[in-house]
Amino acid sequence: MSESERQVPPKKLSDEDQARVDRYLKGGHNDVERKPFRPLLLLAVIVIVLTGLSLLSLLIARTKGVV
């Protein structure tokens, strides 16, 4: 395979269809404002849920006489 064949991928869309796709993508229809990702908040929620479930399991175990 020659150097020029490897650099240019084969076309999947016609020029007219590609122009429509480009126009749609630049139109802002697919832009969504998102809040910034906050990993510490996610970690806090996971710890709170895990602690709550652990306490619930201990409560159930004590009421059944297991612990």
PDB file of N, CA and C in Angstrom:
ATOM      1  N   MET A   1       0.853  -1.172   0.000  1.00  0.00           N
ATOM      2  CA  MET A   1       0.000   0.000   0.000  1.00  0.00           C
ATOM      3  C   MET A   1       0.898   1.233   0.000  1.00  0.00           C
ATOM      4  N   SER A   2       0.591   2.168  -0.839  1.00  0.00           N
ATOM      5  CA  SER A   2       1.437   3.355  -0.941  1.00  0.00           C
ATOM      6  C   SER A   2       1.116   4.330   0.188  1.00  0.00           C
ATOM      7  N   GLU A   3       1.971   5.306   0.325  1.00  0.00           N
ATOM      8  CA  GLU A   3       1.842   6.305   1.402  1.00  0.00           C
ATOM      9  C   GLU A   3       0.551   7.104   1.279  1.00  0.00           C
ATOM     10  N   SER A   4       0.160   7.489   0.078  1.00  0.00           N
ATOM     11  CA  SER A   4      -1.033   8.327  -0.109  1.00  0.00           C
ATOM     12  C   SER A   4      -2.325   7.544   0.136  1.00  0.00           C
ATOM     13  N   GLU A   5      -2.328   6.232  -0.119  1.00  0.00           N
ATOM     14  CA  GLU A   5      -3.528   5.430   0.116  1.00  0.00           C
ATOM     15  C   GLU A   5      -3.814   5.272   1.602  1.00  0.00           C
ATOM     16  N   ARG A   6      -2.792   5.266   2.428  1.00  0.00           N
ATOM     17  CA  ARG A   6      -2.993   5.110   3.866  1.00  0.00           C
ATOM     18  C   ARG A   6      -3.477   6.399   4.524  1.00  0.00           C
ATOM     19  N   GLN A   7      -3.166   7.537   3.975  1.00  0.00           N
ATOM     20  CA  GLN A   7      -3.506   8.806   4.608  1.00  0.00           C
ATOM     21  C   GLN A   7      -4.946   9.221   4.366  1.00  0.00           C
ATOM     22  N   VAL A   8      -5.546   8.879   3.249  1.00  0.00           N
ATOM     23  CA  VAL A   8      -6.882   9.331   2.907  1.00  0.00           C
ATOM     24  C   VAL A   8      -7.865   8.175   3.102  1.00  0.00           C
ATOM     25  N   PRO A   9      -8.747   8.292   4.101  1.00  0.00           N
ATOM     26  CA  PRO A   9      -9.730   7.220   4.299  1.00  0.00           C
ATOM     27  C   PRO A   9     -10.784   7.278   3.199  1.00  0.00           C
ATOM     28  N   PRO A  10     -11.414   6.154   2.879  1.00  0.00           N
ATOM     29  CA  PRO A  10     -12.447   6.164   1.844  1.00  0.00           C
ATOM     30  C   PRO A  10     -13.653   6.974   2.299  1.00  0.00           C
ATOM     31  N   LYS A  11     -14.297   7.657   1.343  1.00  0.00           N
ATOM     32  CA  LYS A  11     -15.469   8.481   1.660  1.00  0.00           C
ATOM     33  C   LYS A  11     -16.662   7.583   1.959  1.00  0.00           C
ATOM     34  N   LYS A  12     -17.396   7.929   3.008  1.00  0.00           N
ATOM     35  CA  LYS A  12     -18.608   7.198   3.337  1.00  0.00           C
ATOM     36  C   LYS A  12     -19.841   7.995   2.966  1.00  0.00           C
ATOM     37  N   LEU A  13     -19.703   9.311   2.866  1.00  0.00           N
ATOM     38  CA  LEU A  13     -20.823  10.182   2.513  1.00  0.00           C
ATOM     39  C   LEU A  13     -20.470  10.986   1.268  1.00  0.00           C
ATOM     40  N   SER A  14     -21.502  11.348   0.545  1.00  0.00           N
ATOM     41  CA  SER A  14     -21.264  12.243  -0.587  1.00  0.00           C
ATOM     42  C   SER A  14     -20.935  13.632  -0.042  1.00  0.00           C
ATOM     43  N   ASP A  15     -20.410  14.495  -0.894  1.00  0.00           N
ATOM     44  CA  ASP A  15     -20.060  15.847  -0.453  1.00  0.00           C
ATOM     45  C   ASP A  15     -21.288  16.606   0.041  1.00  0.00           C
ATOM     46  N   GLU A  16     -22.422  16.387  -0.627  1.00  0.00           N
ATOM     47  CA  GLU A  16     -23.660  17.071  -0.224  1.00  0.00           C
ATOM     48  C   GLU A  16     -24.136  16.598   1.151  1.00  0.00           C
ATOM     49  N   ASP A  17     -24.088  15.280   1.372  1.00  0.00           N
ATOM     50  CA  ASP A  17     -24.503  14.749   2.673  1.00  0.00           C
ATOM     51  C   ASP A  17     -23.547  15.183   3.776  1.00  0.00           C
ATOM     52  N   GLN A  18     -22.252  15.201   3.491  1.00  0.00           N
ATOM     53  CA  GLN A  18     -21.277  15.637   4.487  1.00  0.00           C
ATOM     54  C   GLN A  18     -21.489  17.095   4.838  1.00  0.00           C
ATOM     55  N   ALA A  19     -21.840  17.916   3.841  1.00  0.00           N
ATOM     56  CA  ALA A  19     -22.113  19.332   4.102  1.00  0.00           C
ATOM     57  C   ALA A  19     -23.333  19.478   5.013  1.00  0.00           C
ATOM     58  N   ARG A  20     -24.353  18.642   4.810  1.00  0.00           N
ATOM     59  CA  ARG A  20     -25.531  18.681   5.693  1.00  0.00           C
ATOM     60  C   ARG A  20     -25.167  18.288   7.115  1.00  0.00           C
ATOM     61  N   VAL A  21     -24.352  17.252   7.247  1.00  0.00           N
ATOM     62  CA  VAL A  21     -23.930  16.804   8.584  1.00  0.00           C
ATOM     63  C   VAL A  21     -23.133  17.907   9.270  1.00  0.00           C
ATOM     64  N   ASP A  22     -22.209  18.512   8.560  1.00  0.00           N
ATOM     65  CA  ASP A  22     -21.398  19.589   9.135  1.00  0.00           C
ATOM     66  C   ASP A  22     -22.268  20.772   9.548  1.00  0.00           C
ATOM     67  N   ARG A  23     -23.258  21.118   8.720  1.00  0.00           N
ATOM     68  CA  ARG A  23     -24.153  22.235   9.029  1.00  0.00           C
ATOM     69  C   ARG A  23     -24.966  21.922  10.293  1.00  0.00           C
ATOM     70  N   TYR A  24     -25.430  20.685  10.429  1.00  0.00           N
ATOM     71  CA  TYR A  24     -26.190  20.295  11.618  1.00  0.00           C
ATOM     72  C   TYR A  24     -25.314  20.369  12.876  1.00  0.00           C
ATOM     73  N   LEU A  25     -24.095  19.853  12.777  1.00  0.00           N
ATOM     74  CA  LEU A  25     -23.221  19.838  13.946  1.00  0.00           C
ATOM     75  C   LEU A  25     -22.827  21.240  14.387  1.00  0.00           C
ATOM     76  N   LYS A  26     -22.706  22.168  13.451  1.00  0.00           N
ATOM     77  CA  LYS A  26     -22.357  23.542  13.797  1.00  0.00           C
ATOM     78  C   LYS A  26     -23.577  24.355  14.227  1.00  0.00           C
ATOM     79  N   GLY A  27     -24.771  23.818  14.030  1.00  0.00           N
ATOM     80  CA  GLY A  27     -25.998  24.557  14.333  1.00  0.00           C
ATOM     81  C   GLY A  27     -26.301  24.666  15.813  1.00  0.00           C
ATOM     82  N   GLY A  28     -25.675  23.876  16.646  1.00  0.00           N
ATOM     83  CA  GLY A  28     -25.901  23.968  18.083  1.00  0.00           C
ATOM     84  C   GLY A  28     -27.060  23.127  18.586  1.00  0.00           C
ATOM     85  N   HIS A  29     -27.642  22.282  17.749  1.00  0.00           N
ATOM     86  CA  HIS A  29     -28.754  21.449  18.188  1.00  0.00           C
ATOM     87  C   HIS A  29     -28.321  20.395  19.193  1.00  0.00           C
ATOM     88  N   ASN A  30     -27.096  19.978  19.103  1.00  0.00           N
ATOM     89  CA  ASN A  30     -26.622  18.912  19.972  1.00  0.00           C
ATOM     90  C   ASN A  30     -25.773  19.433  21.134  1.00  0.00           C
ATOM     91  N   ASP A  31     -25.749  20.741  21.355  1.00  0.00           N
ATOM     92  CA  ASP A  31     -25.012  21.306  22.485  1.00  0.00           C
ATOM     93  C   ASP A  31     -25.871  21.229  23.739  1.00  0.00           C
ATOM     94  N   VAL A  32     -25.305  20.682  24.794  1.00  0.00           N
ATOM     95  CA  VAL A  32     -26.011  20.574  26.066  1.00  0.00           C
ATOM     96  C   VAL A  32     -25.114  21.160  27.142  1.00  0.00           C
ATOM     97  N   GLU A  33     -25.640  22.138  27.867  1.00  0.00           N
ATOM     98  CA  GLU A  33     -24.875  22.699  28.986  1.00  0.00           C
ATOM     99  C   GLU A  33     -24.918  21.708  30.138  1.00  0.00           C
ATOM    100  N   ARG A  34     -23.767  21.360  30.641  1.00  0.00           N
ATOM    101  CA  ARG A  34     -23.687  20.409  31.747  1.00  0.00           C
ATOM    102  C   ARG A  34     -22.933  21.055  32.905  1.00  0.00           C
ATOM    103  N   LYS A  35     -23.323  20.636  34.101  1.00  0.00           N
ATOM    104  CA  LYS A  35     -22.582  21.085  35.274  1.00  0.00           C
ATOM    105  C   LYS A  35     -21.235  20.375  35.279  1.00  0.00           C
ATOM    106  N   PRO A  36     -20.222  20.978  35.877  1.00  0.00           N
ATOM    107  CA  PRO A  36     -18.913  20.312  35.921  1.00  0.00           C
ATOM    108  C   PRO A  36     -18.978  19.058  36.793  1.00  0.00           C
ATOM    109  N   PHE A  37     -18.220  18.048  36.399  1.00  0.00           N
ATOM    110  CA  PHE A  37     -18.176  16.794  37.151  1.00  0.00           C
ATOM    111  C   PHE A  37     -17.474  17.028  38.479  1.00  0.00           C
ATOM    112  N   ARG A  38     -18.116  16.565  39.552  1.00  0.00           N
ATOM    113  CA  ARG A  38     -17.554  16.748  40.895  1.00  0.00           C
ATOM    114  C   ARG A  38     -17.325  15.380  41.521  1.00  0.00           C
ATOM    115  N   PRO A  39     -16.110  14.851  41.395  1.00  0.00           N
ATOM    116  CA  PRO A  39     -15.837  13.503  41.885  1.00  0.00           C
ATOM    117  C   PRO A  39     -15.951  13.383  43.405  1.00  0.00           C
ATOM    118  N   LEU A  40     -15.648  14.440  44.142  1.00  0.00           N
ATOM    119  CA  LEU A  40     -15.741  14.347  45.606  1.00  0.00           C
ATOM    120  C   LEU A  40     -17.196  14.225  46.049  1.00  0.00           C
ATOM    121  N   LEU A  41     -18.105  14.885  45.355  1.00  0.00           N
ATOM    122  CA  LEU A  41     -19.525  14.746  45.672  1.00  0.00           C
ATOM    123  C   LEU A  41     -19.990  13.321  45.390  1.00  0.00           C
ATOM    124  N   LEU A  42     -19.556  12.765  44.278  1.00  0.00           N
ATOM    125  CA  LEU A  42     -19.896  11.378  43.951  1.00  0.00           C
ATOM    126  C   LEU A  42     -19.361  10.429  45.014  1.00  0.00           C
ATOM    127  N   LEU A  43     -18.134  10.637  45.446  1.00  0.00           N
ATOM    128  CA  LEU A  43     -17.545   9.797  46.491  1.00  0.00           C
ATOM    129  C   LEU A  43     -18.330   9.926  47.791  1.00  0.00           C
ATOM    130  N   ALA A  44     -18.736  11.141  48.147  1.00  0.00           N
ATOM    131  CA  ALA A  44     -19.503  11.352  49.365  1.00  0.00           C
ATOM    132  C   ALA A  44     -20.852  10.639  49.293  1.00  0.00           C
ATOM    133  N   VAL A  45     -21.519  10.711  48.168  1.00  0.00           N
ATOM    134  CA  VAL A  45     -22.811  10.034  48.016  1.00  0.00           C
ATOM    135  C   VAL A  45     -22.635   8.525  48.134  1.00  0.00           C
ATOM    136  N   ILE A  46     -21.594   7.995  47.514  1.00  0.00           N
ATOM    137  CA  ILE A  46     -21.345   6.544  47.595  1.00  0.00           C
ATOM    138  C   ILE A  46     -21.080   6.132  49.043  1.00  0.00           C
ATOM    139  N   VAL A  47     -20.277   6.902  49.766  1.00  0.00           N
ATOM    140  CA  VAL A  47     -19.976   6.574  51.165  1.00  0.00           C
ATOM    141  C   VAL A  47     -21.228   6.653  52.015  1.00  0.00           C
ATOM    142  N   ILE A  48     -22.056   7.652  51.811  1.00  0.00           N
ATOM    143  CA  ILE A  48     -23.291   7.803  52.591  1.00  0.00           C
ATOM    144  C   ILE A  48     -24.237   6.636  52.323  1.00  0.00           C
ATOM    145  N   VAL A  49     -24.417   6.276  51.063  1.00  0.00           N
ATOM    146  CA  VAL A  49     -25.311   5.166  50.721  1.00  0.00           C
ATOM    147  C   VAL A  49     -24.763   3.861  51.293  1.00  0.00           C
ATOM    148  N   LEU A  50     -23.479   3.627  51.157  1.00  0.00           N
ATOM    149  CA  LEU A  50     -22.872   2.404  51.684  1.00  0.00           C
ATOM    150  C   LEU A  50     -23.000   2.331  53.202  1.00  0.00           C
ATOM    151  N   THR A  51     -22.781   3.446  53.879  1.00  0.00           N
ATOM    152  CA  THR A  51     -22.929   3.480  55.338  1.00  0.00           C
ATOM    153  C   THR A  51     -24.373   3.222  55.746  1.00  0.00           C
ATOM    154  N   GLY A  52     -25.309   3.838  55.037  1.00  0.00           N
ATOM    155  CA  GLY A  52     -26.722   3.623  55.335  1.00  0.00           C
ATOM    156  C   GLY A  52     -27.132   2.177  55.157  1.00  0.00           C
ATOM    157  N   LEU A  53     -26.701   1.558  54.081  1.00  0.00           N
ATOM    158  CA  LEU A  53     -27.046   0.152  53.861  1.00  0.00           C
ATOM    159  C   LEU A  53     -26.384  -0.756  54.905  1.00  0.00           C
ATOM    160  N   SER A  54     -25.178  -0.425  55.300  1.00  0.00           N
ATOM    161  CA  SER A  54     -24.497  -1.220  56.337  1.00  0.00           C
ATOM    162  C   SER A  54     -25.237  -1.116  57.661  1.00  0.00           C
ATOM    163  N   LEU A  55     -25.651   0.104  58.025  1.00  0.00           N
ATOM    164  CA  LEU A  55     -26.399   0.275  59.277  1.00  0.00           C
ATOM    165  C   LEU A  55     -27.738  -0.446  59.217  1.00  0.00           C
ATOM    166  N   LEU A  56     -28.389  -0.413  58.064  1.00  0.00           N
ATOM    167  CA  LEU A  56     -29.649  -1.118  57.903  1.00  0.00           C
ATOM    168  C   LEU A  56     -29.456  -2.618  58.054  1.00  0.00           C
ATOM    169  N   SER A  57     -28.393  -3.155  57.483  1.00  0.00           N
ATOM    170  CA  SER A  57     -28.143  -4.591  57.607  1.00  0.00           C
ATOM    171  C   SER A  57     -27.830  -4.972  59.053  1.00  0.00           C
ATOM    172  N   LEU A  58     -27.123  -4.099  59.773  1.00  0.00           N
ATOM    173  CA  LEU A  58     -26.856  -4.372  61.194  1.00  0.00           C
ATOM    174  C   LEU A  58     -28.149  -4.344  62.004  1.00  0.00           C
ATOM    175  N   LEU A  59     -29.026  -3.387  61.713  1.00  0.00           N
ATOM    176  CA  LEU A  59     -30.310  -3.314  62.403  1.00  0.00           C
ATOM    177  C   LEU A  59     -31.142  -4.557  62.155  1.00  0.00           C
ATOM    178  N   ILE A  60     -31.186  -5.003  60.927  1.00  0.00           N
ATOM    179  CA  ILE A  60     -31.949  -6.207  60.609  1.00  0.00           C
ATOM    180  C   ILE A  60     -31.336  -7.414  61.305  1.00  0.00           C
ATOM    181  N   ALA A  61     -30.016  -7.519  61.334  1.00  0.00           N
ATOM    182  CA  ALA A  61     -29.339  -8.645  61.982  1.00  0.00           C
ATOM    183  C   ALA A  61     -29.617  -8.649  63.489  1.00  0.00           C
ATOM    184  N   ARG A  62     -29.655  -7.478  64.116  1.00  0.00           N
ATOM    185  CA  ARG A  62     -29.923  -7.418  65.559  1.00  0.00           C
ATOM    186  C   ARG A  62     -31.363  -7.777  65.881  1.00  0.00           C
ATOM    187  N   THR A  63     -32.301  -7.339  65.032  1.00  0.00           N
ATOM    188  CA  THR A  63     -33.706  -7.682  65.302  1.00  0.00           C
ATOM    189  C   THR A  63     -33.969  -9.164  65.103  1.00  0.00           C
ATOM    190  N   LYS A  64     -33.184  -9.832  64.295  1.00  0.00           N
ATOM    191  CA  LYS A  64     -33.357 -11.279  64.072  1.00  0.00           C
ATOM    192  C   LYS A  64     -32.497 -12.106  65.016  1.00  0.00           C
ATOM    193  N   GLY A  65     -31.693 -11.470  65.840  1.00  0.00           N
ATOM    194  CA  GLY A  65     -30.878 -12.167  66.818  1.00  0.00           C
ATOM    195  C   GLY A  65     -29.604 -12.783  66.261  1.00  0.00           C
ATOM    196  N   VAL A  66     -29.163 -12.322  65.149  1.00  0.00           N
ATOM    197  CA  VAL A  66     -27.945 -12.852  64.542  1.00  0.00           C
ATOM    198  C   VAL A  66     -26.706 -12.249  65.194  1.00  0.00           C
ATOM    199  N   VAL A  67     -26.761 -10.965  65.537  1.00  0.00           N
ATOM    200  CA  VAL A  67     -25.605 -10.275  66.113  1.00  0.00           C
ATOM    201  C   VAL A  67     -25.836 -10.034  67.581  1.00  0.00           C
TER     202      VAL A  67
END
